[in-house]
Structure formats: C-alpha cells, structure tokens
Amino acid sequence: MPQHAIPAEAVMDLRRRLATLPPRSPERRRLMHETARLYGVSEQTLYRVLRQQSKPRAVTRRMDRGVPRVLPQGALTRYLELIAAVKLRTTNGKGRHLSTGEAIRL
C-alpha cells in the first residue's frame, strides 16, 4: 500500500495521541501496531510517515532560482570569460600556464 494511503488527519491524530503517552509506554507500541494494521502498512512505514511529516519544507521555490544573486548573469559571464582569457594567455618563466589564482593576481 502506498505511503499516501494513510490520511493526513489520521497521522495528525496518531501524533497527538502518542504525545500524551510516555516514551517507553507499552501503550505506544499497541497504538502503533493497531494503526499500522488498520491501514495495511508496516509499523516502520508508519514511523517513517510520522518522521517525514514533522520535517519542515519550503512551500515554493525561490523566484530567482537558477539566477546568480551577487552578479547579474551578463556580468558573471563576462567575468568568467576574462578569467579564462587571462589564464590561457599567461605563462610563467618556464613557458607553463599559470593557475587561475596566480593569473588573476598579475
């Protein structure tokens, strides 16, 4: 049975009922067992649903997803082109290409 077969209201009710019981109470185990049997899922699945429901997650993605925050896209592209050009055209005394960090300092 898929995970979403357990209604959200049932999961919230189960969480509320578990909150009233002590952590190592045998009643918790009985409650989890009965609820899992009622919905036809394993107890591990039920624990997983409880754990995933409590995780906070973003409702929507950012409006600027995929867009650089510091520099506009055009400026960033130009900056990267300059770094590549400097790196390709810069050599040390032995004729070897310098690393990007050394090329930028020059």
PDB file of N, CA and C in Angstrom:
ATOM      1  N   MET A   1       0.851  -1.178   0.000  1.00  0.00           N
ATOM      2  CA  MET A   1       0.000   0.000   0.000  1.00  0.00           C
ATOM      3  C   MET A   1       0.891   1.235   0.000  1.00  0.00           C
ATOM      4  N   PRO A   2       0.626   2.208  -0.857  1.00  0.00           N
ATOM      5  CA  PRO A   2       1.475   3.395  -0.914  1.00  0.00           C
ATOM      6  C   PRO A   2       1.406   4.209   0.375  1.00  0.00           C
ATOM      7  N   GLN A   3       2.444   4.991   0.561  1.00  0.00           N
ATOM      8  CA  GLN A   3       2.582   5.777   1.775  1.00  0.00           C
ATOM      9  C   GLN A   3       1.446   6.790   1.923  1.00  0.00           C
ATOM     10  N   HIS A   4       0.980   7.330   0.827  1.00  0.00           N
ATOM     11  CA  HIS A   4      -0.044   8.360   0.900  1.00  0.00           C
ATOM     12  C   HIS A   4      -1.430   7.774   1.185  1.00  0.00           C
ATOM     13  N   ALA A   5      -1.539   6.438   1.358  1.00  0.00           N
ATOM     14  CA  ALA A   5      -2.812   5.816   1.672  1.00  0.00           C
ATOM     15  C   ALA A   5      -3.244   6.115   3.104  1.00  0.00           C
ATOM     16  N   ILE A   6      -2.318   6.549   3.920  1.00  0.00           N
ATOM     17  CA  ILE A   6      -2.663   6.921   5.294  1.00  0.00           C
ATOM     18  C   ILE A   6      -3.105   8.374   5.276  1.00  0.00           C
ATOM     19  N   PRO A   7      -4.352   8.654   5.640  1.00  0.00           N
ATOM     20  CA  PRO A   7      -4.835  10.036   5.606  1.00  0.00           C
ATOM     21  C   PRO A   7      -4.035  10.938   6.545  1.00  0.00           C
ATOM     22  N   ALA A   8      -3.850  12.164   6.134  1.00  0.00           N
ATOM     23  CA  ALA A   8      -3.084  13.119   6.940  1.00  0.00           C
ATOM     24  C   ALA A   8      -3.753  13.348   8.293  1.00  0.00           C
ATOM     25  N   GLU A   9      -5.095  13.330   8.327  1.00  0.00           N
ATOM     26  CA  GLU A   9      -5.798  13.526   9.589  1.00  0.00           C
ATOM     27  C   GLU A   9      -5.485  12.389  10.557  1.00  0.00           C
ATOM     28  N   ALA A  10      -5.378  11.165  10.024  1.00  0.00           N
ATOM     29  CA  ALA A  10      -5.072  10.018  10.877  1.00  0.00           C
ATOM     30  C   ALA A  10      -3.660  10.126  11.434  1.00  0.00           C
ATOM     31  N   VAL A  11      -2.734  10.612  10.618  1.00  0.00           N
ATOM     32  CA  VAL A  11      -1.352  10.763  11.079  1.00  0.00           C
ATOM     33  C   VAL A  11      -1.285  11.839  12.158  1.00  0.00           C
ATOM     34  N   MET A  12      -1.994  12.940  11.954  1.00  0.00           N
ATOM     35  CA  MET A  12      -2.004  14.005  12.970  1.00  0.00           C
ATOM     36  C   MET A  12      -2.652  13.524  14.264  1.00  0.00           C
ATOM     37  N   ASP A  13      -3.743  12.750  14.145  1.00  0.00           N
ATOM     38  CA  ASP A  13      -4.403  12.208  15.333  1.00  0.00           C
ATOM     39  C   ASP A  13      -3.476  11.237  16.059  1.00  0.00           C
ATOM     40  N   LEU A  14      -2.789  10.385  15.301  1.00  0.00           N
ATOM     41  CA  LEU A  14      -1.840   9.452  15.906  1.00  0.00           C
ATOM     42  C   LEU A  14      -0.728  10.199  16.629  1.00  0.00           C
ATOM     43  N   ARG A  15      -0.202  11.252  16.010  1.00  0.00           N
ATOM     44  CA  ARG A  15       0.846  12.052  16.635  1.00  0.00           C
ATOM     45  C   ARG A  15       0.342  12.679  17.944  1.00  0.00           C
ATOM     46  N   ARG A  16      -0.878  13.175  17.928  1.00  0.00           N
ATOM     47  CA  ARG A  16      -1.462  13.790  19.126  1.00  0.00           C
ATOM     48  C   ARG A  16      -1.627  12.758  20.237  1.00  0.00           C
ATOM     49  N   ARG A  17      -2.098  11.556  19.867  1.00  0.00           N
ATOM     50  CA  ARG A  17      -2.289  10.502  20.861  1.00  0.00           C
ATOM     51  C   ARG A  17      -0.958   9.994  21.402  1.00  0.00           C
ATOM     52  N   LEU A  18       0.058   9.905  20.562  1.00  0.00           N
ATOM     53  CA  LEU A  18       1.375   9.464  21.016  1.00  0.00           C
ATOM     54  C   LEU A  18       2.023  10.490  21.945  1.00  0.00           C
ATOM     55  N   ALA A  19       1.727  11.768  21.730  1.00  0.00           N
ATOM     56  CA  ALA A  19       2.321  12.831  22.542  1.00  0.00           C
ATOM     57  C   ALA A  19       1.857  12.762  23.994  1.00  0.00           C
ATOM     58  N   THR A  20       0.680  12.183  24.221  1.00  0.00           N
ATOM     59  CA  THR A  20       0.164  12.110  25.593  1.00  0.00           C
ATOM     60  C   THR A  20       0.764  10.942  26.372  1.00  0.00           C
ATOM     61  N   LEU A  21       1.425  10.011  25.681  1.00  0.00           N
ATOM     62  CA  LEU A  21       1.969   8.817  26.332  1.00  0.00           C
ATOM     63  C   LEU A  21       3.453   8.987  26.646  1.00  0.00           C
ATOM     64  N   PRO A  22       3.946   8.322  27.691  1.00  0.00           N
ATOM     65  CA  PRO A  22       5.381   8.366  27.986  1.00  0.00           C
ATOM     66  C   PRO A  22       6.180   7.666  26.882  1.00  0.00           C
ATOM     67  N   PRO A  23       7.456   8.006  26.718  1.00  0.00           N
ATOM     68  CA  PRO A  23       8.256   7.473  25.609  1.00  0.00           C
ATOM     69  C   PRO A  23       8.332   5.947  25.543  1.00  0.00           C
ATOM     70  N   ARG A  24       8.451   5.259  26.652  1.00  0.00           N
ATOM     71  CA  ARG A  24       8.624   3.802  26.628  1.00  0.00           C
ATOM     72  C   ARG A  24       7.365   3.047  27.058  1.00  0.00           C
ATOM     73  N   SER A  25       6.232   3.654  26.880  1.00  0.00           N
ATOM     74  CA  SER A  25       4.986   3.038  27.290  1.00  0.00           C
ATOM     75  C   SER A  25       4.597   1.899  26.338  1.00  0.00           C
ATOM     76  N   PRO A  26       4.147   0.761  26.880  1.00  0.00           N
ATOM     77  CA  PRO A  26       3.666  -0.325  26.010  1.00  0.00           C
ATOM     78  C   PRO A  26       2.422   0.086  25.233  1.00  0.00           C
ATOM     79  N   GLU A  27       1.726   1.090  25.734  1.00  0.00           N
ATOM     80  CA  GLU A  27       0.532   1.581  25.050  1.00  0.00           C
ATOM     81  C   GLU A  27       0.902   2.211  23.698  1.00  0.00           C
ATOM     82  N   ARG A  28       2.064   2.843  23.625  1.00  0.00           N
ATOM     83  CA  ARG A  28       2.528   3.426  22.352  1.00  0.00           C
ATOM     84  C   ARG A  28       2.691   2.332  21.305  1.00  0.00           C
ATOM     85  N   ARG A  29       3.324   1.250  21.720  1.00  0.00           N
ATOM     86  CA  ARG A  29       3.557   0.134  20.813  1.00  0.00           C
ATOM     87  C   ARG A  29       2.231  -0.458  20.328  1.00  0.00           C
ATOM     88  N   ARG A  30       1.283  -0.620  21.247  1.00  0.00           N
ATOM     89  CA  ARG A  30      -0.021  -1.159  20.876  1.00  0.00           C
ATOM     90  C   ARG A  30      -0.741  -0.223  19.906  1.00  0.00           C
ATOM     91  N   LEU A  31      -0.666   1.058  20.174  1.00  0.00           N
ATOM     92  CA  LEU A  31      -1.310   2.048  19.314  1.00  0.00           C
ATOM     93  C   LEU A  31      -0.699   2.046  17.910  1.00  0.00           C
ATOM     94  N   MET A  32       0.623   1.980  17.826  1.00  0.00           N
ATOM     95  CA  MET A  32       1.291   1.929  16.514  1.00  0.00           C
ATOM     96  C   MET A  32       0.913   0.646  15.775  1.00  0.00           C
ATOM     97  N   HIS A  33       0.890  -0.470  16.497  1.00  0.00           N
ATOM     98  CA  HIS A  33       0.562  -1.752  15.876  1.00  0.00           C
ATOM     99  C   HIS A  33      -0.871  -1.739  15.326  1.00  0.00           C
ATOM    100  N   GLU A  34      -1.827  -1.256  16.112  1.00  0.00           N
ATOM    101  CA  GLU A  34      -3.222  -1.211  15.665  1.00  0.00           C
ATOM    102  C   GLU A  34      -3.407  -0.281  14.482  1.00  0.00           C
ATOM    103  N   THR A  35      -2.758   0.871  14.511  1.00  0.00           N
ATOM    104  CA  THR A  35      -2.895   1.824  13.420  1.00  0.00           C
ATOM    105  C   THR A  35      -2.283   1.269  12.133  1.00  0.00           C
ATOM    106  N   ALA A  36      -1.134   0.627  12.250  1.00  0.00           N
ATOM    107  CA  ALA A  36      -0.493   0.029  11.072  1.00  0.00           C
ATOM    108  C   ALA A  36      -1.376  -1.070  10.494  1.00  0.00           C
ATOM    109  N   ARG A  37      -1.955  -1.886  11.359  1.00  0.00           N
ATOM    110  CA  ARG A  37      -2.819  -2.967  10.882  1.00  0.00           C
ATOM    111  C   ARG A  37      -4.077  -2.394  10.233  1.00  0.00           C
ATOM    112  N   LEU A  38      -4.633  -1.323  10.789  1.00  0.00           N
ATOM    113  CA  LEU A  38      -5.846  -0.698  10.250  1.00  0.00           C
ATOM    114  C   LEU A  38      -5.640  -0.204   8.819  1.00  0.00           C
ATOM    115  N   TYR A  39      -4.474   0.404   8.558  1.00  0.00           N
ATOM    116  CA  TYR A  39      -4.210   0.967   7.229  1.00  0.00           C
ATOM    117  C   TYR A  39      -3.435   0.014   6.331  1.00  0.00           C
ATOM    118  N   GLY A  40      -3.091  -1.152   6.826  1.00  0.00           N
ATOM    119  CA  GLY A  40      -2.422  -2.157   5.995  1.00  0.00           C
ATOM    120  C   GLY A  40      -0.993  -1.809   5.636  1.00  0.00           C
ATOM    121  N   VAL A  41      -0.283  -1.161   6.551  1.00  0.00           N
ATOM    122  CA  VAL A  41       1.125  -0.821   6.329  1.00  0.00           C
ATOM    123  C   VAL A  41       1.936  -1.373   7.490  1.00  0.00           C
ATOM    124  N   SER A  42       3.242  -1.426   7.325  1.00  0.00           N
ATOM    125  CA  SER A  42       4.103  -1.890   8.410  1.00  0.00           C
ATOM    126  C   SER A  42       4.286  -0.772   9.432  1.00  0.00           C
ATOM    127  N   GLU A  43       4.727  -1.168  10.608  1.00  0.00           N
ATOM    128  CA  GLU A  43       4.983  -0.164  11.643  1.00  0.00           C
ATOM    129  C   GLU A  43       6.133   0.753  11.230  1.00  0.00           C
ATOM    130  N   GLN A  44       7.119   0.201  10.529  1.00  0.00           N
ATOM    131  CA  GLN A  44       8.231   1.026  10.050  1.00  0.00           C
ATOM    132  C   GLN A  44       7.716   2.106   9.099  1.00  0.00           C
ATOM    133  N   THR A  45       6.769   1.753   8.239  1.00  0.00           N
ATOM    134  CA  THR A  45       6.193   2.741   7.324  1.00  0.00           C
ATOM    135  C   THR A  45       5.477   3.822   8.108  1.00  0.00           C
ATOM    136  N   LEU A  46       4.766   3.423   9.131  1.00  0.00           N
ATOM    137  CA  LEU A  46       4.047   4.390   9.950  1.00  0.00           C
ATOM    138  C   LEU A  46       5.018   5.336  10.669  1.00  0.00           C
ATOM    139  N   TYR A  47       6.103   4.788  11.211  1.00  0.00           N
ATOM    140  CA  TYR A  47       7.119   5.641  11.848  1.00  0.00           C
ATOM    141  C   TYR A  47       7.739   6.585  10.816  1.00  0.00           C
ATOM    142  N   ARG A  48       7.972   6.089   9.589  1.00  0.00           N
ATOM    143  CA  ARG A  48       8.551   6.919   8.540  1.00  0.00           C
ATOM    144  C   ARG A  48       7.619   8.071   8.180  1.00  0.00           C
ATOM    145  N   VAL A  49       6.329   7.776   8.084  1.00  0.00           N
ATOM    146  CA  VAL A  49       5.348   8.830   7.774  1.00  0.00           C
ATOM    147  C   VAL A  49       5.342   9.880   8.883  1.00  0.00           C
ATOM    148  N   LEU A  50       5.388   9.428  10.130  1.00  0.00           N
ATOM    149  CA  LEU A  50       5.428  10.387  11.246  1.00  0.00           C
ATOM    150  C   LEU A  50       6.679  11.247  11.192  1.00  0.00           C
ATOM    151  N   ARG A  51       7.820  10.633  10.872  1.00  0.00           N
ATOM    152  CA  ARG A  51       9.079  11.369  10.828  1.00  0.00           C
ATOM    153  C   ARG A  51       9.085  12.373   9.671  1.00  0.00           C
ATOM    154  N   GLN A  52       8.573  11.973   8.517  1.00  0.00           N
ATOM    155  CA  GLN A  52       8.592  12.865   7.356  1.00  0.00           C
ATOM    156  C   GLN A  52       7.602  14.004   7.510  1.00  0.00           C
ATOM    157  N   GLN A  53       6.506  13.758   8.189  1.00  0.00           N
ATOM    158  CA  GLN A  53       5.515  14.814   8.361  1.00  0.00           C
ATOM    159  C   GLN A  53       6.038  15.936   9.250  1.00  0.00           C
ATOM    160  N   SER A  54       6.943  15.600  10.175  1.00  0.00           N
ATOM    161  CA  SER A  54       7.421  16.623  11.102  1.00  0.00           C
ATOM    162  C   SER A  54       8.548  17.475  10.523  1.00  0.00           C
ATOM    163  N   LYS A  55       9.102  17.085   9.363  1.00  0.00           N
ATOM    164  CA  LYS A  55      10.188  17.853   8.771  1.00  0.00           C
ATOM    165  C   LYS A  55       9.640  19.110   8.099  1.00  0.00           C
ATOM    166  N   PRO A  56      10.211  20.261   8.397  1.00  0.00           N
ATOM    167  CA  PRO A  56       9.770  21.466   7.692  1.00  0.00           C
ATOM    168  C   PRO A  56      10.308  21.471   6.268  1.00  0.00           C
ATOM    169  N   ARG A  57       9.535  21.964   5.345  1.00  0.00           N
ATOM    170  CA  ARG A  57       9.986  22.057   3.964  1.00  0.00           C
ATOM    171  C   ARG A  57       9.395  23.305   3.326  1.00  0.00           C
ATOM    172  N   ALA A  58      10.076  23.787   2.342  1.00  0.00           N
ATOM    173  CA  ALA A  58       9.647  25.016   1.682  1.00  0.00           C
ATOM    174  C   ALA A  58       8.368  24.754   0.882  1.00  0.00           C
ATOM    175  N   VAL A  59       7.492  25.717   0.897  1.00  0.00           N
ATOM    176  CA  VAL A  59       6.241  25.578   0.161  1.00  0.00           C
ATOM    177  C   VAL A  59       6.498  25.773  -1.326  1.00  0.00           C
ATOM    178  N   THR A  60       7.262  26.771  -1.663  1.00  0.00           N
ATOM    179  CA  THR A  60       7.555  27.051  -3.069  1.00  0.00           C
ATOM    180  C   THR A  60       9.048  27.286  -3.237  1.00  0.00           C
ATOM    181  N   ARG A  61       9.466  27.265  -4.459  1.00  0.00           N
ATOM    182  CA  ARG A  61      10.863  27.579  -4.755  1.00  0.00           C
ATOM    183  C   ARG A  61      11.044  29.080  -4.844  1.00  0.00           C
ATOM    184  N   ARG A  62      12.288  29.491  -4.723  1.00  0.00           N
ATOM    185  CA  ARG A  62      12.580  30.918  -4.834  1.00  0.00           C
ATOM    186  C   ARG A  62      12.262  31.402  -6.240  1.00  0.00           C
ATOM    187  N   MET A  63      11.863  32.645  -6.355  1.00  0.00           N
ATOM    188  CA  MET A  63      11.559  33.224  -7.663  1.00  0.00           C
ATOM    189  C   MET A  63      12.823  33.367  -8.502  1.00  0.00           C
ATOM    190  N   ASP A  64      13.979  33.566  -7.858  1.00  0.00           N
ATOM    191  CA  ASP A  64      15.224  33.748  -8.603  1.00  0.00           C
ATOM    192  C   ASP A  64      16.027  32.451  -8.672  1.00  0.00           C
ATOM    193  N   ARG A  65      15.364  31.311  -8.659  1.00  0.00           N
ATOM    194  CA  ARG A  65      16.059  30.014  -8.719  1.00  0.00           C
ATOM    195  C   ARG A  65      16.849  29.911 -10.018  1.00  0.00           C
ATOM    196  N   GLY A  66      18.139  29.573  -9.893  1.00  0.00           N
ATOM    197  CA  GLY A  66      18.991  29.409 -11.056  1.00  0.00           C
ATOM    198  C   GLY A  66      19.628  30.702 -11.539  1.00  0.00           C
ATOM    199  N   VAL A  67      19.359  31.804 -10.882  1.00  0.00           N
ATOM    200  CA  VAL A  67      19.909  33.100 -11.270  1.00  0.00           C
ATOM    201  C   VAL A  67      20.933  33.498 -10.213  1.00  0.00           C
ATOM    202  N   PRO A  68      22.137  33.927 -10.616  1.00  0.00           N
ATOM    203  CA  PRO A  68      23.138  34.336  -9.617  1.00  0.00           C
ATOM    204  C   PRO A  68      22.635  35.505  -8.770  1.00  0.00           C
ATOM    205  N   ARG A  69      22.938  35.479  -7.488  1.00  0.00           N
ATOM    206  CA  ARG A  69      22.455  36.521  -6.583  1.00  0.00           C
ATOM    207  C   ARG A  69      23.400  37.713  -6.507  1.00  0.00           C
ATOM    208  N   VAL A  70      24.716  37.464  -6.652  1.00  0.00           N
ATOM    209  CA  VAL A  70      25.681  38.528  -6.434  1.00  0.00           C
ATOM    210  C   VAL A  70      25.829  39.396  -7.681  1.00  0.00           C
ATOM    211  N   LEU A  71      26.078  38.764  -8.809  1.00  0.00           N
ATOM    212  CA  LEU A  71      26.257  39.494 -10.064  1.00  0.00           C
ATOM    213  C   LEU A  71      25.134  39.151 -11.027  1.00  0.00           C
ATOM    214  N   PRO A  72      24.742  40.100 -11.867  1.00  0.00           N
ATOM    215  CA  PRO A  72      23.790  39.760 -12.918  1.00  0.00           C
ATOM    216  C   PRO A  72      24.414  38.720 -13.862  1.00  0.00           C
ATOM    217  N   GLN A  73      23.602  37.969 -14.555  1.00  0.00           N
ATOM    218  CA  GLN A  73      24.089  36.885 -15.410  1.00  0.00           C
ATOM    219  C   GLN A  73      25.095  37.385 -16.440  1.00  0.00           C
ATOM    220  N   GLY A  74      24.833  38.514 -17.065  1.00  0.00           N
ATOM    221  CA  GLY A  74      25.747  39.052 -18.077  1.00  0.00           C
ATOM    222  C   GLY A  74      27.109  39.409 -17.498  1.00  0.00           C
ATOM    223  N   ALA A  75      27.108  40.054 -16.335  1.00  0.00           N
ATOM    224  CA  ALA A  75      28.365  40.435 -15.693  1.00  0.00           C
ATOM    225  C   ALA A  75      29.151  39.204 -15.259  1.00  0.00           C
ATOM    226  N   LEU A  76      28.449  38.195 -14.776  1.00  0.00           N
ATOM    227  CA  LEU A  76      29.113  36.969 -14.363  1.00  0.00           C
ATOM    228  C   LEU A  76      29.744  36.254 -15.561  1.00  0.00           C
ATOM    229  N   THR A  77      29.026  36.210 -16.661  1.00  0.00           N
ATOM    230  CA  THR A  77      29.570  35.575 -17.872  1.00  0.00           C
ATOM    231  C   THR A  77      30.810  36.307 -18.348  1.00  0.00           C
ATOM    232  N   ARG A  78      30.763  37.623 -18.361  1.00  0.00           N
ATOM    233  CA  ARG A  78      31.908  38.422 -18.800  1.00  0.00           C
ATOM    234  C   ARG A  78      33.108  38.203 -17.879  1.00  0.00           C
ATOM    235  N   TYR A  79      32.872  38.139 -16.581  1.00  0.00           N
ATOM    236  CA  TYR A  79      33.929  37.912 -15.600  1.00  0.00           C
ATOM    237  C   TYR A  79      34.588  36.554 -15.836  1.00  0.00           C
ATOM    238  N   LEU A  80      33.789  35.542 -16.073  1.00  0.00           N
ATOM    239  CA  LEU A  80      34.330  34.209 -16.327  1.00  0.00           C
ATOM    240  C   LEU A  80      35.117  34.158 -17.641  1.00  0.00           C
ATOM    241  N   GLU A  81      34.662  34.883 -18.649  1.00  0.00           N
ATOM    242  CA  GLU A  81      35.405  34.945 -19.919  1.00  0.00           C
ATOM    243  C   GLU A  81      36.765  35.598 -19.722  1.00  0.00           C
ATOM    244  N   LEU A  82      36.805  36.666 -18.927  1.00  0.00           N
ATOM    245  CA  LEU A  82      38.076  37.344 -18.652  1.00  0.00           C
ATOM    246  C   LEU A  82      39.043  36.431 -17.907  1.00  0.00           C
ATOM    247  N   ILE A  83      38.557  35.705 -16.939  1.00  0.00           N
ATOM    248  CA  ILE A  83      39.416  34.776 -16.204  1.00  0.00           C
ATOM    249  C   ILE A  83      39.981  33.717 -17.139  1.00  0.00           C
ATOM    250  N   ALA A  84      39.127  33.179 -18.009  1.00  0.00           N
ATOM    251  CA  ALA A  84      39.588  32.151 -18.946  1.00  0.00           C
ATOM    252  C   ALA A  84      40.636  32.713 -19.894  1.00  0.00           C
ATOM    253  N   ALA A  85      40.417  33.932 -20.401  1.00  0.00           N
ATOM    254  CA  ALA A  85      41.361  34.540 -21.331  1.00  0.00           C
ATOM    255  C   ALA A  85      42.709  34.808 -20.647  1.00  0.00           C
ATOM    256  N   VAL A  86      42.668  35.334 -19.429  1.00  0.00           N
ATOM    257  CA  VAL A  86      43.906  35.624 -18.704  1.00  0.00           C
ATOM    258  C   VAL A  86      44.666  34.335 -18.425  1.00  0.00           C
ATOM    259  N   LYS A  87      43.928  33.305 -18.057  1.00  0.00           N
ATOM    260  CA  LYS A  87      44.563  32.035 -17.734  1.00  0.00           C
ATOM    261  C   LYS A  87      45.221  31.419 -18.971  1.00  0.00           C
ATOM    262  N   LEU A  88      44.575  31.508 -20.102  1.00  0.00           N
ATOM    263  CA  LEU A  88      45.129  30.920 -21.323  1.00  0.00           C
ATOM    264  C   LEU A  88      46.331  31.687 -21.842  1.00  0.00           C
ATOM    265  N   ARG A  89      46.355  32.999 -21.643  1.00  0.00           N
ATOM    266  CA  ARG A  89      47.409  33.825 -22.230  1.00  0.00           C
ATOM    267  C   ARG A  89      48.558  34.130 -21.275  1.00  0.00           C
ATOM    268  N   THR A  90      48.485  33.625 -20.053  1.00  0.00           N
ATOM    269  CA  THR A  90      49.512  33.929 -19.074  1.00  0.00           C
ATOM    270  C   THR A  90      50.388  32.706 -18.851  1.00  0.00           C
ATOM    271  N   THR A  91      51.686  32.911 -18.958  1.00  0.00           N
ATOM    272  CA  THR A  91      52.628  31.825 -18.712  1.00  0.00           C
ATOM    273  C   THR A  91      53.693  32.301 -17.737  1.00  0.00           C
ATOM    274  N   ASN A  92      54.345  31.361 -17.091  1.00  0.00           N
ATOM    275  CA  ASN A  92      55.428  31.729 -16.191  1.00  0.00           C
ATOM    276  C   ASN A  92      56.744  31.748 -16.961  1.00  0.00           C
ATOM    277  N   GLY A  93      57.849  31.898 -16.241  1.00  0.00           N
ATOM    278  CA  GLY A  93      59.160  31.987 -16.891  1.00  0.00           C
ATOM    279  C   GLY A  93      59.548  30.748 -17.672  1.00  0.00           C
ATOM    280  N   LYS A  94      59.034  29.602 -17.309  1.00  0.00           N
ATOM    281  CA  LYS A  94      59.359  28.357 -17.992  1.00  0.00           C
ATOM    282  C   LYS A  94      58.395  28.042 -19.144  1.00  0.00           C
ATOM    283  N   GLY A  95      57.472  28.952 -19.398  1.00  0.00           N
ATOM    284  CA  GLY A  95      56.540  28.744 -20.505  1.00  0.00           C
ATOM    285  C   GLY A  95      55.311  27.934 -20.135  1.00  0.00           C
ATOM    286  N   ARG A  96      55.115  27.645 -18.866  1.00  0.00           N
ATOM    287  CA  ARG A  96      53.944  26.879 -18.431  1.00  0.00           C
ATOM    288  C   ARG A  96      52.820  27.840 -18.071  1.00  0.00           C
ATOM    289  N   HIS A  97      51.578  27.377 -18.288  1.00  0.00           N
ATOM    290  CA  HIS A  97      50.418  28.204 -17.935  1.00  0.00           C
ATOM    291  C   HIS A  97      50.302  28.326 -16.421  1.00  0.00           C
ATOM    292  N   LEU A  98      49.946  29.501 -15.968  1.00  0.00           N
ATOM    293  CA  LEU A  98      49.777  29.733 -14.539  1.00  0.00           C
ATOM    294  C   LEU A  98      48.404  29.249 -14.084  1.00  0.00           C
ATOM    295  N   SER A  99      48.280  28.978 -12.799  1.00  0.00           N
ATOM    296  CA  SER A  99      46.972  28.624 -12.253  1.00  0.00           C
ATOM    297  C   SER A  99      46.087  29.859 -12.270  1.00  0.00           C
ATOM    298  N   THR A 100      44.813  29.652 -12.116  1.00  0.00           N
ATOM    299  CA  THR A 100      43.883  30.779 -12.164  1.00  0.00           C
ATOM    300  C   THR A 100      44.190  31.808 -11.093  1.00  0.00           C
ATOM    301  N   GLY A 101      44.490  31.365  -9.890  1.00  0.00           N
ATOM    302  CA  GLY A 101      44.784  32.294  -8.792  1.00  0.00           C
ATOM    303  C   GLY A 101      46.005  33.149  -9.086  1.00  0.00           C
ATOM    304  N   GLU A 102      47.065  32.559  -9.638  1.00  0.00           N
ATOM    305  CA  GLU A 102      48.259  33.331  -9.969  1.00  0.00           C
ATOM    306  C   GLU A 102      47.999  34.264 -11.141  1.00  0.00           C
ATOM    307  N   ALA A 103      47.209  33.844 -12.101  1.00  0.00           N
ATOM    308  CA  ALA A 103      46.927  34.670 -13.279  1.00  0.00           C
ATOM    309  C   ALA A 103      46.122  35.899 -12.913  1.00  0.00           C
ATOM    310  N   ILE A 104      45.213  35.770 -11.961  1.00  0.00           N
ATOM    311  CA  ILE A 104      44.360  36.896 -11.576  1.00  0.00           C
ATOM    312  C   ILE A 104      45.161  37.922 -10.794  1.00  0.00           C
ATOM    313  N   ARG A 105      46.137  37.494  -9.982  1.00  0.00           N
ATOM    314  CA  ARG A 105      46.932  38.431  -9.189  1.00  0.00           C
ATOM    315  C   ARG A 105      47.808  39.301 -10.078  1.00  0.00           C
ATOM    316  N   LEU A 106      48.154  38.837 -11.277  1.00  0.00           N
ATOM    317  CA  LEU A 106      49.031  39.612 -12.171  1.00  0.00           C
ATOM    318  C   LEU A 106      48.296  40.755 -12.768  1.00  0.00           C
TER     319      LEU A 106
END
